[in-house]
Amino acid sequence: MTVIAPEQITHCSDSLPQQLSKIARRWAPLEALQDTAIAEVQLIRADAATSFHCAVYEPCLCFVIQGSKTVQLGDKEIVYSGLSYMASAIHLPMLGRIDHATPEQPYLAVKVSVDPQEVAGLILELGDKAPPAGTDSICPEMDCGLISAPMDDRMQGALYRLLGLLDSPEDIPVLSPLARRELIYRALMGEIGPRMRRFTATDSQAHRIARVIYSLKERYAQPLKISELAAAANMSESTLYHSFRQVTRMSPLQYQKKLRLLEARRLMLAEGLEAATASYRVGYESPSHFSREYSRMFGAPPRADVTQLRGVAAVSATA
């Protein structure tokens, strides 16, 4: 496949944003999060605005081609719209809402999964060419695990090259790793690059909190012991608590609770477990306590919430 430079793309009859929209609409004909022939790439489409819904964002780059979305991470709210992108450096439970979308102008986005080790390896290759990571002082903007910036022409061109591979599947095995690598490179060399680096610098507090978050994610069903997490991260308990809130905008207990409730919801929906069984599976000792916290997070008791979600899925499947 011929590699097209951004300056060549803009000479076509359609602008680069228009071409990105056309590719996304062609490969995302339905309203949903849709897999593609590129394993690490998913497309998101919505034809109408939505209410807030809960999800766990894994380490990824998310590119908004059209429409706008609001994301709430604890007490932090981020609004990103067409031709912007967001980097999630760690696993983060959050609320998301699509603000602007119509059937004629749907919300279109691309999610590219990213391995933190892949980012770290590229940073090592860049060496002094990468923007500096900055100081290790605690700063709400610098240490937040969710960061965003507008897409410049180079980033749009890189995204176009990645999505363009969907039209030539024979090229995907060889060229998709290169296209993904270019996107990560553009992010590291751009506006959010210094903040991405903080989560890979082994001597930074952001990186130590990333390790704590990984531990919590793997052991969310076990009792939370701040002292053990602090010792493993080589931090005092107070420093861990403060730094954790800066990165995730929530306390370790709140983080664990959201992971538990989201997993319980998945177990009930995907595996058909009863609420009590799901609550025990994710670490709750009292089904009534689980039901109260579930209702506070999702706005309805477990049974009613799951029934409503299944009804929506059934309607969508027949639409």
C-alpha atoms as a PDB file:
ATOM      1  CA  MET A   1       0.000   0.000   0.000  1.00  0.00           C
ATOM      2  CA  THR A   2       1.288   3.451  -0.892  1.00  0.00           C
ATOM      3  CA  VAL A   3       1.957   5.653   2.129  1.00  0.00           C
ATOM      4  CA  ILE A   4       0.173   8.999   1.793  1.00  0.00           C
ATOM      5  CA  ALA A   5       1.589  12.081   3.446  1.00  0.00           C
ATOM      6  CA  PRO A   6      -0.771  14.599   5.112  1.00  0.00           C
ATOM      7  CA  GLU A   7       0.028  17.288   2.572  1.00  0.00           C
ATOM      8  CA  GLN A   8      -0.944  14.907  -0.237  1.00  0.00           C
ATOM      9  CA  ILE A   9      -4.225  13.964   1.418  1.00  0.00           C
ATOM     10  CA  THR A  10      -5.397  17.560   1.675  1.00  0.00           C
ATOM     11  CA  HIS A  11      -5.072  17.924  -2.118  1.00  0.00           C
ATOM     12  CA  CYS A  12      -7.971  15.466  -2.592  1.00  0.00           C
ATOM     13  CA  SER A  13     -11.480  16.758  -3.222  1.00  0.00           C
ATOM     14  CA  ASP A  14     -12.448  16.027   0.395  1.00  0.00           C
ATOM     15  CA  SER A  15     -10.600  17.517   3.324  1.00  0.00           C
ATOM     16  CA  LEU A  16      -8.717  15.198   5.655  1.00  0.00           C
ATOM     17  CA  PRO A  17     -11.410  15.423   8.389  1.00  0.00           C
ATOM     18  CA  GLN A  18     -14.049  14.548   5.793  1.00  0.00           C
ATOM     19  CA  GLN A  19     -12.037  11.546   4.648  1.00  0.00           C
ATOM     20  CA  LEU A  20     -11.624  10.375   8.248  1.00  0.00           C
ATOM     21  CA  SER A  21     -15.378  10.688   8.748  1.00  0.00           C
ATOM     22  CA  LYS A  22     -16.120   8.690   5.600  1.00  0.00           C
ATOM     23  CA  ILE A  23     -13.829   5.835   6.600  1.00  0.00           C
ATOM     24  CA  ALA A  24     -15.233   5.731  10.138  1.00  0.00           C
ATOM     25  CA  ARG A  25     -18.839   5.738   8.911  1.00  0.00           C
ATOM     26  CA  ARG A  26     -18.103   3.013   6.376  1.00  0.00           C
ATOM     27  CA  TRP A  27     -16.599   0.683   8.956  1.00  0.00           C
ATOM     28  CA  ALA A  28     -18.949   1.643  11.810  1.00  0.00           C
ATOM     29  CA  PRO A  29     -22.416   1.343  10.238  1.00  0.00           C
ATOM     30  CA  LEU A  30     -24.129   0.639  13.572  1.00  0.00           C
ATOM     31  CA  GLU A  31     -24.452   2.495  16.855  1.00  0.00           C
ATOM     32  CA  ALA A  32     -22.023   0.633  19.077  1.00  0.00           C
ATOM     33  CA  LEU A  33     -18.448  -0.013  20.042  1.00  0.00           C
ATOM     34  CA  GLN A  34     -17.340  -2.104  17.068  1.00  0.00           C
ATOM     35  CA  ASP A  35     -14.293  -4.300  16.566  1.00  0.00           C
ATOM     36  CA  THR A  36     -12.287  -4.025  13.377  1.00  0.00           C
ATOM     37  CA  ALA A  37      -9.892  -6.212  11.417  1.00  0.00           C
ATOM     38  CA  ILE A  38      -7.085  -4.479  13.331  1.00  0.00           C
ATOM     39  CA  ALA A  39      -7.112  -6.162  16.739  1.00  0.00           C
ATOM     40  CA  GLU A  40      -6.117  -3.067  18.718  1.00  0.00           C
ATOM     41  CA  VAL A  41      -8.546  -0.717  16.961  1.00  0.00           C
ATOM     42  CA  GLN A  42     -12.245  -0.244  17.713  1.00  0.00           C
ATOM     43  CA  LEU A  43     -14.715   2.246  16.254  1.00  0.00           C
ATOM     44  CA  ILE A  44     -17.439   4.033  18.213  1.00  0.00           C
ATOM     45  CA  ARG A  45     -20.566   5.494  16.652  1.00  0.00           C
ATOM     46  CA  ALA A  46     -23.633   7.135  18.156  1.00  0.00           C
ATOM     47  CA  ASP A  47     -26.503   8.751  16.239  1.00  0.00           C
ATOM     48  CA  ALA A  48     -27.949  10.592  19.249  1.00  0.00           C
ATOM     49  CA  ALA A  49     -26.834  12.135  22.513  1.00  0.00           C
ATOM     50  CA  THR A  50     -26.690   9.814  25.521  1.00  0.00           C
ATOM     51  CA  SER A  51     -26.869  10.024  29.286  1.00  0.00           C
ATOM     52  CA  PHE A  52     -23.820   9.273  31.425  1.00  0.00           C
ATOM     53  CA  HIS A  53     -22.778   5.628  31.568  1.00  0.00           C
ATOM     54  CA  CYS A  54     -20.036   3.928  33.566  1.00  0.00           C
ATOM     55  CA  ALA A  55     -17.054   2.177  32.019  1.00  0.00           C
ATOM     56  CA  VAL A  56     -13.426   1.349  32.725  1.00  0.00           C
ATOM     57  CA  TYR A  57     -11.014   3.010  30.319  1.00  0.00           C
ATOM     58  CA  GLU A  58      -7.941   0.868  29.696  1.00  0.00           C
ATOM     59  CA  PRO A  59      -4.625   2.364  28.534  1.00  0.00           C
ATOM     60  CA  CYS A  60      -5.485   3.705  25.107  1.00  0.00           C
ATOM     61  CA  LEU A  61      -5.564   6.598  22.695  1.00  0.00           C
ATOM     62  CA  CYS A  62      -9.072   7.707  21.735  1.00  0.00           C
ATOM     63  CA  PHE A  63      -9.584   9.969  18.715  1.00  0.00           C
ATOM     64  CA  VAL A  64     -12.813  11.915  18.220  1.00  0.00           C
ATOM     65  CA  ILE A  65     -13.452  12.499  14.542  1.00  0.00           C
ATOM     66  CA  GLN A  66     -16.935  14.019  14.786  1.00  0.00           C
ATOM     67  CA  GLY A  67     -19.350  15.065  17.547  1.00  0.00           C
ATOM     68  CA  SER A  68     -18.463  15.683  21.186  1.00  0.00           C
ATOM     69  CA  LYS A  69     -18.280  13.788  24.454  1.00  0.00           C
ATOM     70  CA  THR A  70     -18.001  14.646  28.151  1.00  0.00           C
ATOM     71  CA  VAL A  71     -16.014  12.405  30.462  1.00  0.00           C
ATOM     72  CA  GLN A  72     -16.178  12.658  34.256  1.00  0.00           C
ATOM     73  CA  LEU A  73     -13.252  11.287  36.211  1.00  0.00           C
ATOM     74  CA  GLY A  74     -14.069  11.791  39.877  1.00  0.00           C
ATOM     75  CA  ASP A  75     -14.335  15.559  40.292  1.00  0.00           C
ATOM     76  CA  LYS A  76     -12.656  16.306  36.953  1.00  0.00           C
ATOM     77  CA  GLU A  77     -14.673  16.875  33.774  1.00  0.00           C
ATOM     78  CA  ILE A  78     -13.154  16.754  30.307  1.00  0.00           C
ATOM     79  CA  VAL A  79     -15.056  17.758  27.176  1.00  0.00           C
ATOM     80  CA  TYR A  80     -13.521  16.683  23.899  1.00  0.00           C
ATOM     81  CA  SER A  81     -14.957  17.173  20.451  1.00  0.00           C
ATOM     82  CA  GLY A  82     -14.217  16.577  16.797  1.00  0.00           C
ATOM     83  CA  LEU A  83     -10.542  16.367  15.839  1.00  0.00           C
ATOM     84  CA  SER A  84      -9.278  15.946  19.381  1.00  0.00           C
ATOM     85  CA  TYR A  85      -7.752  12.964  21.120  1.00  0.00           C
ATOM     86  CA  MET A  86      -7.445  11.634  24.627  1.00  0.00           C
ATOM     87  CA  ALA A  87      -4.832   9.445  26.276  1.00  0.00           C
ATOM     88  CA  SER A  88      -5.698   7.174  29.179  1.00  0.00           C
ATOM     89  CA  ALA A  89      -2.421   6.223  30.838  1.00  0.00           C
ATOM     90  CA  ILE A  90      -3.917   3.710  33.281  1.00  0.00           C
ATOM     91  CA  HIS A  91      -7.123   1.748  33.931  1.00  0.00           C
ATOM     92  CA  LEU A  92      -9.694   4.326  35.049  1.00  0.00           C
ATOM     93  CA  PRO A  93     -13.363   3.814  35.962  1.00  0.00           C
ATOM     94  CA  MET A  94     -15.285   6.874  34.796  1.00  0.00           C
ATOM     95  CA  LEU A  95     -18.522   8.277  33.432  1.00  0.00           C
ATOM     96  CA  GLY A  96     -18.949   9.162  29.779  1.00  0.00           C
ATOM     97  CA  ARG A  97     -21.724  10.981  27.900  1.00  0.00           C
ATOM     98  CA  ILE A  98     -22.087  11.780  24.210  1.00  0.00           C
ATOM     99  CA  ASP A  99     -23.238  15.386  23.941  1.00  0.00           C
ATOM    100  CA  HIS A 100     -23.741  16.008  20.234  1.00  0.00           C
ATOM    101  CA  ALA A 101     -24.749  13.429  17.633  1.00  0.00           C
ATOM    102  CA  THR A 102     -27.436  13.011  14.972  1.00  0.00           C
ATOM    103  CA  PRO A 103     -28.044  10.361  12.271  1.00  0.00           C
ATOM    104  CA  GLU A 104     -26.785  12.868   9.701  1.00  0.00           C
ATOM    105  CA  GLN A 105     -23.774  13.895  11.812  1.00  0.00           C
ATOM    106  CA  PRO A 106     -23.079  10.949  14.138  1.00  0.00           C
ATOM    107  CA  TYR A 107     -20.553  10.886  16.910  1.00  0.00           C
ATOM    108  CA  LEU A 108     -17.519   9.044  15.511  1.00  0.00           C
ATOM    109  CA  ALA A 109     -14.456   8.007  17.470  1.00  0.00           C
ATOM    110  CA  VAL A 110     -11.563   5.588  17.223  1.00  0.00           C
ATOM    111  CA  LYS A 111     -10.134   3.708  20.192  1.00  0.00           C
ATOM    112  CA  VAL A 112      -6.581   2.394  19.861  1.00  0.00           C
ATOM    113  CA  SER A 113      -5.428   0.117  22.675  1.00  0.00           C
ATOM    114  CA  VAL A 114      -1.912   0.864  23.891  1.00  0.00           C
ATOM    115  CA  ASP A 115       0.498  -1.298  25.867  1.00  0.00           C
ATOM    116  CA  PRO A 116       2.311   0.897  28.455  1.00  0.00           C
ATOM    117  CA  GLN A 117       5.463  -1.158  27.826  1.00  0.00           C
ATOM    118  CA  GLU A 118       5.222  -0.233  24.159  1.00  0.00           C
ATOM    119  CA  VAL A 119       5.111   3.439  25.128  1.00  0.00           C
ATOM    120  CA  ALA A 120       8.077   3.019  27.486  1.00  0.00           C
ATOM    121  CA  GLY A 121      10.102   1.301  24.782  1.00  0.00           C
ATOM    122  CA  LEU A 122       9.434   4.078  22.287  1.00  0.00           C
ATOM    123  CA  ILE A 123      10.419   6.706  24.861  1.00  0.00           C
ATOM    124  CA  LEU A 124      13.749   4.929  25.340  1.00  0.00           C
ATOM    125  CA  GLU A 125      14.302   4.958  21.586  1.00  0.00           C
ATOM    126  CA  LEU A 126      13.507   8.666  21.370  1.00  0.00           C
ATOM    127  CA  GLY A 127      15.985   9.558  24.107  1.00  0.00           C
ATOM    128  CA  ASP A 128      16.685  13.285  24.143  1.00  0.00           C
ATOM    129  CA  LYS A 129      14.329  13.863  21.214  1.00  0.00           C
ATOM    130  CA  ALA A 130      11.258  13.370  23.431  1.00  0.00           C
ATOM    131  CA  PRO A 131       9.856  16.420  25.252  1.00  0.00           C
ATOM    132  CA  PRO A 132      10.967  16.513  28.907  1.00  0.00           C
ATOM    133  CA  ALA A 133       8.680  14.893  31.446  1.00  0.00           C
ATOM    134  CA  GLY A 134       8.811  17.861  33.786  1.00  0.00           C
ATOM    135  CA  THR A 135       9.299  17.934  37.545  1.00  0.00           C
ATOM    136  CA  ASP A 136       7.779  15.448  39.961  1.00  0.00           C
ATOM    137  CA  SER A 137       5.695  18.017  41.841  1.00  0.00           C
ATOM    138  CA  ILE A 138       2.056  17.090  42.397  1.00  0.00           C
ATOM    139  CA  CYS A 139      -0.094  19.043  39.970  1.00  0.00           C
ATOM    140  CA  PRO A 140      -3.726  18.249  39.143  1.00  0.00           C
ATOM    141  CA  GLU A 141      -3.238  18.760  35.428  1.00  0.00           C
ATOM    142  CA  MET A 142       0.145  17.060  35.139  1.00  0.00           C
ATOM    143  CA  ASP A 143      -0.659  13.966  37.183  1.00  0.00           C
ATOM    144  CA  CYS A 144      -4.192  13.224  36.029  1.00  0.00           C
ATOM    145  CA  GLY A 145      -4.371   9.830  34.337  1.00  0.00           C
ATOM    146  CA  LEU A 146      -6.630  11.193  31.587  1.00  0.00           C
ATOM    147  CA  ILE A 147      -5.278  13.884  29.255  1.00  0.00           C
ATOM    148  CA  SER A 148      -6.473  15.376  25.980  1.00  0.00           C
ATOM    149  CA  ALA A 149      -5.359  17.679  23.162  1.00  0.00           C
ATOM    150  CA  PRO A 150      -6.471  18.751  19.661  1.00  0.00           C
ATOM    151  CA  MET A 151      -5.302  16.664  16.695  1.00  0.00           C
ATOM    152  CA  ASP A 152      -2.904  18.516  14.421  1.00  0.00           C
ATOM    153  CA  ASP A 153      -2.475  17.696  10.714  1.00  0.00           C
ATOM    154  CA  ARG A 154       0.252  15.142  11.395  1.00  0.00           C
ATOM    155  CA  MET A 155      -1.881  13.258  13.898  1.00  0.00           C
ATOM    156  CA  GLN A 156      -4.860  13.319  11.524  1.00  0.00           C
ATOM    157  CA  GLY A 157      -2.636  11.960   8.758  1.00  0.00           C
ATOM    158  CA  ALA A 158      -1.369   9.149  10.985  1.00  0.00           C
ATOM    159  CA  LEU A 159      -4.922   8.227  11.975  1.00  0.00           C
ATOM    160  CA  TYR A 160      -5.980   8.264   8.310  1.00  0.00           C
ATOM    161  CA  ARG A 161      -3.187   5.853   7.427  1.00  0.00           C
ATOM    162  CA  LEU A 162      -4.246   3.470  10.212  1.00  0.00           C
ATOM    163  CA  LEU A 163      -7.953   3.515   9.310  1.00  0.00           C
ATOM    164  CA  GLY A 164      -7.120   3.295   5.599  1.00  0.00           C
ATOM    165  CA  LEU A 165      -5.716  -0.180   6.219  1.00  0.00           C
ATOM    166  CA  LEU A 166      -9.276  -1.409   6.839  1.00  0.00           C
ATOM    167  CA  ASP A 167      -9.812  -1.010   3.083  1.00  0.00           C
ATOM    168  CA  SER A 168      -6.792  -3.206   2.304  1.00  0.00           C
ATOM    169  CA  PRO A 169      -6.889  -6.079   4.833  1.00  0.00           C
ATOM    170  CA  GLU A 170      -3.974  -7.846   3.166  1.00  0.00           C
ATOM    171  CA  ASP A 171      -1.722  -5.013   4.369  1.00  0.00           C
ATOM    172  CA  ILE A 172      -2.887  -5.079   7.998  1.00  0.00           C
ATOM    173  CA  PRO A 173      -0.467  -7.698   9.415  1.00  0.00           C
ATOM    174  CA  VAL A 174       2.605  -5.785   8.224  1.00  0.00           C
ATOM    175  CA  LEU A 175       1.524  -2.142   8.234  1.00  0.00           C
ATOM    176  CA  SER A 176      -0.854  -1.814  11.209  1.00  0.00           C
ATOM    177  CA  PRO A 177       1.945  -2.085  13.816  1.00  0.00           C
ATOM    178  CA  LEU A 178       3.791   0.690  11.997  1.00  0.00           C
ATOM    179  CA  ALA A 179       0.678   2.875  11.795  1.00  0.00           C
ATOM    180  CA  ARG A 180      -0.093   2.376  15.506  1.00  0.00           C
ATOM    181  CA  ARG A 181       3.513   3.155  16.369  1.00  0.00           C
ATOM    182  CA  GLU A 182       3.294   6.411  14.428  1.00  0.00           C
ATOM    183  CA  LEU A 183       0.191   7.440  16.400  1.00  0.00           C
ATOM    184  CA  ILE A 184       1.963   6.771  19.707  1.00  0.00           C
ATOM    185  CA  TYR A 185       5.014   8.654  18.440  1.00  0.00           C
ATOM    186  CA  ARG A 186       2.901  11.669  17.444  1.00  0.00           C
ATOM    187  CA  ALA A 187       1.249  11.672  20.880  1.00  0.00           C
ATOM    188  CA  LEU A 188       4.625  11.493  22.664  1.00  0.00           C
ATOM    189  CA  MET A 189       6.059  14.312  20.573  1.00  0.00           C
ATOM    190  CA  GLY A 190       2.952  16.471  20.904  1.00  0.00           C
ATOM    191  CA  GLU A 191       1.200  18.486  23.576  1.00  0.00           C
ATOM    192  CA  ILE A 192       0.417  15.568  25.882  1.00  0.00           C
ATOM    193  CA  GLY A 193       3.802  13.872  25.472  1.00  0.00           C
ATOM    194  CA  PRO A 194       5.399  15.154  28.693  1.00  0.00           C
ATOM    195  CA  ARG A 195       2.436  13.950  30.744  1.00  0.00           C
ATOM    196  CA  MET A 196       2.450  10.533  29.066  1.00  0.00           C
ATOM    197  CA  ARG A 197       6.127  10.188  29.957  1.00  0.00           C
ATOM    198  CA  ARG A 198       5.440  10.730  33.643  1.00  0.00           C
ATOM    199  CA  PHE A 199       3.594   7.405  33.820  1.00  0.00           C
ATOM    200  CA  THR A 200       6.564   5.491  32.404  1.00  0.00           C
ATOM    201  CA  ALA A 201       9.359   7.224  34.348  1.00  0.00           C
ATOM    202  CA  THR A 202      10.162   4.644  37.030  1.00  0.00           C
ATOM    203  CA  ASP A 203      11.261   7.267  39.554  1.00  0.00           C
ATOM    204  CA  SER A 204       8.057   9.342  39.295  1.00  0.00           C
ATOM    205  CA  GLN A 205       5.123   9.274  41.676  1.00  0.00           C
ATOM    206  CA  ALA A 206       2.780   8.919  38.693  1.00  0.00           C
ATOM    207  CA  HIS A 207       4.504   5.670  37.719  1.00  0.00           C
ATOM    208  CA  ARG A 208       4.354   4.348  41.277  1.00  0.00           C
ATOM    209  CA  ILE A 209       0.624   5.109  41.399  1.00  0.00           C
ATOM    210  CA  ALA A 210       0.234   3.310  38.063  1.00  0.00           C
ATOM    211  CA  ARG A 211       1.727   0.222  39.708  1.00  0.00           C
ATOM    212  CA  VAL A 212      -0.687   0.582  42.643  1.00  0.00           C
ATOM    213  CA  ILE A 213      -3.607   0.814  40.216  1.00  0.00           C
ATOM    214  CA  TYR A 214      -2.455  -2.321  38.425  1.00  0.00           C
ATOM    215  CA  SER A 215      -2.342  -4.133  41.777  1.00  0.00           C
ATOM    216  CA  LEU A 216      -5.842  -2.926  42.679  1.00  0.00           C
ATOM    217  CA  LYS A 217      -7.182  -3.989  39.304  1.00  0.00           C
ATOM    218  CA  GLU A 218      -5.760  -7.487  39.712  1.00  0.00           C
ATOM    219  CA  ARG A 219      -6.946  -7.858  43.339  1.00  0.00           C
ATOM    220  CA  TYR A 220     -10.129  -5.758  43.431  1.00  0.00           C
ATOM    221  CA  ALA A 221     -12.127  -8.535  45.130  1.00  0.00           C
ATOM    222  CA  GLN A 222      -9.718  -8.732  48.071  1.00  0.00           C
ATOM    223  CA  PRO A 223      -9.896  -6.496  51.178  1.00  0.00           C
ATOM    224  CA  LEU A 224      -8.199  -3.151  50.626  1.00  0.00           C
ATOM    225  CA  LYS A 225      -5.066  -2.638  52.746  1.00  0.00           C
ATOM    226  CA  ILE A 226      -3.589   0.824  52.220  1.00  0.00           C
ATOM    227  CA  SER A 227      -0.524  -0.027  54.304  1.00  0.00           C
ATOM    228  CA  GLU A 228       0.418  -2.892  51.969  1.00  0.00           C
ATOM    229  CA  LEU A 229      -0.143  -0.781  48.847  1.00  0.00           C
ATOM    230  CA  ALA A 230       1.956   2.052  50.299  1.00  0.00           C
ATOM    231  CA  ALA A 231       4.797  -0.292  51.226  1.00  0.00           C
ATOM    232  CA  ALA A 232       4.807  -1.869  47.752  1.00  0.00           C
ATOM    233  CA  ALA A 233       4.932   1.602  46.166  1.00  0.00           C
ATOM    234  CA  ASN A 234       7.629   2.802  48.617  1.00  0.00           C
ATOM    235  CA  MET A 235       5.360   5.634  49.793  1.00  0.00           C
ATOM    236  CA  SER A 236       3.872   6.730  53.068  1.00  0.00           C
ATOM    237  CA  GLU A 237       0.152   6.079  53.399  1.00  0.00           C
ATOM    238  CA  SER A 238      -0.629   9.801  53.314  1.00  0.00           C
ATOM    239  CA  THR A 239       1.490  10.343  50.191  1.00  0.00           C
ATOM    240  CA  LEU A 240      -0.119   7.353  48.492  1.00  0.00           C
ATOM    241  CA  TYR A 241      -3.600   8.615  49.289  1.00  0.00           C
ATOM    242  CA  HIS A 242      -2.851  12.151  48.069  1.00  0.00           C
ATOM    243  CA  SER A 243      -1.049  11.031  44.908  1.00  0.00           C
ATOM    244  CA  PHE A 244      -3.736   8.449  44.100  1.00  0.00           C
ATOM    245  CA  ARG A 245      -6.410  11.153  44.223  1.00  0.00           C
ATOM    246  CA  GLN A 246      -4.349  13.384  41.927  1.00  0.00           C
ATOM    247  CA  VAL A 247      -4.073  10.653  39.292  1.00  0.00           C
ATOM    248  CA  THR A 248      -7.549   9.104  39.487  1.00  0.00           C
ATOM    249  CA  ARG A 249      -9.627  11.904  41.076  1.00  0.00           C
ATOM    250  CA  MET A 250     -10.892   9.394  43.635  1.00  0.00           C
ATOM    251  CA  SER A 251      -9.670   7.581  46.731  1.00  0.00           C
ATOM    252  CA  PRO A 252      -8.328   4.003  46.566  1.00  0.00           C
ATOM    253  CA  LEU A 253     -11.534   2.787  48.241  1.00  0.00           C
ATOM    254  CA  GLN A 254     -13.732   4.602  45.712  1.00  0.00           C
ATOM    255  CA  TYR A 255     -11.624   3.197  42.881  1.00  0.00           C
ATOM    256  CA  GLN A 256     -11.944  -0.354  44.191  1.00  0.00           C
ATOM    257  CA  LYS A 257     -15.692   0.064  44.696  1.00  0.00           C
ATOM    258  CA  LYS A 258     -16.233   1.182  41.102  1.00  0.00           C
ATOM    259  CA  LEU A 259     -14.176  -1.719  39.764  1.00  0.00           C
ATOM    260  CA  ARG A 260     -16.214  -4.155  41.860  1.00  0.00           C
ATOM    261  CA  LEU A 261     -19.580  -2.777  40.796  1.00  0.00           C
ATOM    262  CA  LEU A 262     -18.678  -2.625  37.110  1.00  0.00           C
ATOM    263  CA  GLU A 263     -17.435  -6.220  37.194  1.00  0.00           C
ATOM    264  CA  ALA A 264     -20.587  -7.349  39.042  1.00  0.00           C
ATOM    265  CA  ARG A 265     -22.705  -5.680  36.367  1.00  0.00           C
ATOM    266  CA  ARG A 266     -20.726  -7.478  33.669  1.00  0.00           C
ATOM    267  CA  LEU A 267     -21.139 -10.824  35.443  1.00  0.00           C
ATOM    268  CA  MET A 268     -24.905 -10.374  35.653  1.00  0.00           C
ATOM    269  CA  LEU A 269     -25.226  -9.285  32.031  1.00  0.00           C
ATOM    270  CA  ALA A 270     -22.726 -11.585  30.337  1.00  0.00           C
ATOM    271  CA  GLU A 271     -22.838 -14.670  32.558  1.00  0.00           C
ATOM    272  CA  GLY A 272     -26.400 -14.434  33.905  1.00  0.00           C
ATOM    273  CA  LEU A 273     -25.383 -14.499  37.572  1.00  0.00           C
ATOM    274  CA  GLU A 274     -27.870 -13.503  40.252  1.00  0.00           C
ATOM    275  CA  ALA A 275     -27.088 -10.288  42.120  1.00  0.00           C
ATOM    276  CA  ALA A 276     -26.142 -12.067  45.341  1.00  0.00           C
ATOM    277  CA  THR A 277     -23.749 -14.423  43.543  1.00  0.00           C
ATOM    278  CA  ALA A 278     -22.162 -11.573  41.608  1.00  0.00           C
ATOM    279  CA  SER A 279     -21.752  -9.517  44.782  1.00  0.00           C
ATOM    280  CA  TYR A 280     -19.852 -12.333  46.524  1.00  0.00           C
ATOM    281  CA  ARG A 281     -17.747 -12.922  43.430  1.00  0.00           C
ATOM    282  CA  VAL A 282     -16.472  -9.322  43.432  1.00  0.00           C
ATOM    283  CA  GLY A 283     -15.765  -9.171  47.155  1.00  0.00           C
ATOM    284  CA  TYR A 284     -18.950  -8.012  48.910  1.00  0.00           C
ATOM    285  CA  GLU A 285     -19.930  -9.850  52.066  1.00  0.00           C
ATOM    286  CA  SER A 286     -23.444  -8.390  52.296  1.00  0.00           C
ATOM    287  CA  PRO A 287     -25.849  -8.532  49.310  1.00  0.00           C
ATOM    288  CA  SER A 288     -27.903  -5.699  50.808  1.00  0.00           C
ATOM    289  CA  HIS A 289     -24.805  -3.485  51.074  1.00  0.00           C
ATOM    290  CA  PHE A 290     -23.956  -4.394  47.481  1.00  0.00           C
ATOM    291  CA  SER A 291     -27.481  -3.508  46.316  1.00  0.00           C
ATOM    292  CA  ARG A 292     -27.356  -0.081  48.009  1.00  0.00           C
ATOM    293  CA  GLU A 293     -23.991   0.810  46.474  1.00  0.00           C
ATOM    294  CA  TYR A 294     -25.054  -0.548  43.082  1.00  0.00           C
ATOM    295  CA  SER A 295     -28.178   1.610  43.132  1.00  0.00           C
ATOM    296  CA  ARG A 296     -26.154   4.711  44.017  1.00  0.00           C
ATOM    297  CA  MET A 297     -23.744   4.130  41.135  1.00  0.00           C
ATOM    298  CA  PHE A 298     -26.126   2.987  38.386  1.00  0.00           C
ATOM    299  CA  GLY A 299     -29.373   4.653  39.486  1.00  0.00           C
ATOM    300  CA  ALA A 300     -31.387   1.441  39.925  1.00  0.00           C
ATOM    301  CA  PRO A 301     -31.190  -1.840  41.904  1.00  0.00           C
ATOM    302  CA  PRO A 302     -29.234  -4.671  40.228  1.00  0.00           C
ATOM    303  CA  ARG A 303     -32.207  -6.637  38.897  1.00  0.00           C
ATOM    304  CA  ALA A 304     -33.985  -3.591  37.461  1.00  0.00           C
ATOM    305  CA  ASP A 305     -30.798  -2.200  35.934  1.00  0.00           C
ATOM    306  CA  VAL A 306     -29.832  -5.463  34.245  1.00  0.00           C
ATOM    307  CA  THR A 307     -33.372  -6.023  32.955  1.00  0.00           C
ATOM    308  CA  GLN A 308     -33.406  -2.534  31.450  1.00  0.00           C
ATOM    309  CA  LEU A 309     -29.985  -3.019  29.826  1.00  0.00           C
ATOM    310  CA  ARG A 310     -31.062  -6.330  28.286  1.00  0.00           C
ATOM    311  CA  GLY A 311     -34.190  -4.662  26.909  1.00  0.00           C
ATOM    312  CA  VAL A 312     -32.121  -1.925  25.278  1.00  0.00           C
ATOM    313  CA  ALA A 313     -29.772  -4.523  23.778  1.00  0.00           C
ATOM    314  CA  ALA A 314     -32.697  -6.496  22.364  1.00  0.00           C
ATOM    315  CA  VAL A 315     -34.203  -3.405  20.733  1.00  0.00           C
ATOM    316  CA  SER A 316     -30.821  -2.440  19.265  1.00  0.00           C
ATOM    317  CA  ALA A 317     -30.331  -5.929  17.851  1.00  0.00           C
ATOM    318  CA  THR A 318     -33.633  -5.795  15.952  1.00  0.00           C
ATOM    319  CA  ALA A 319     -33.358  -2.172  14.840  1.00  0.00           C
END
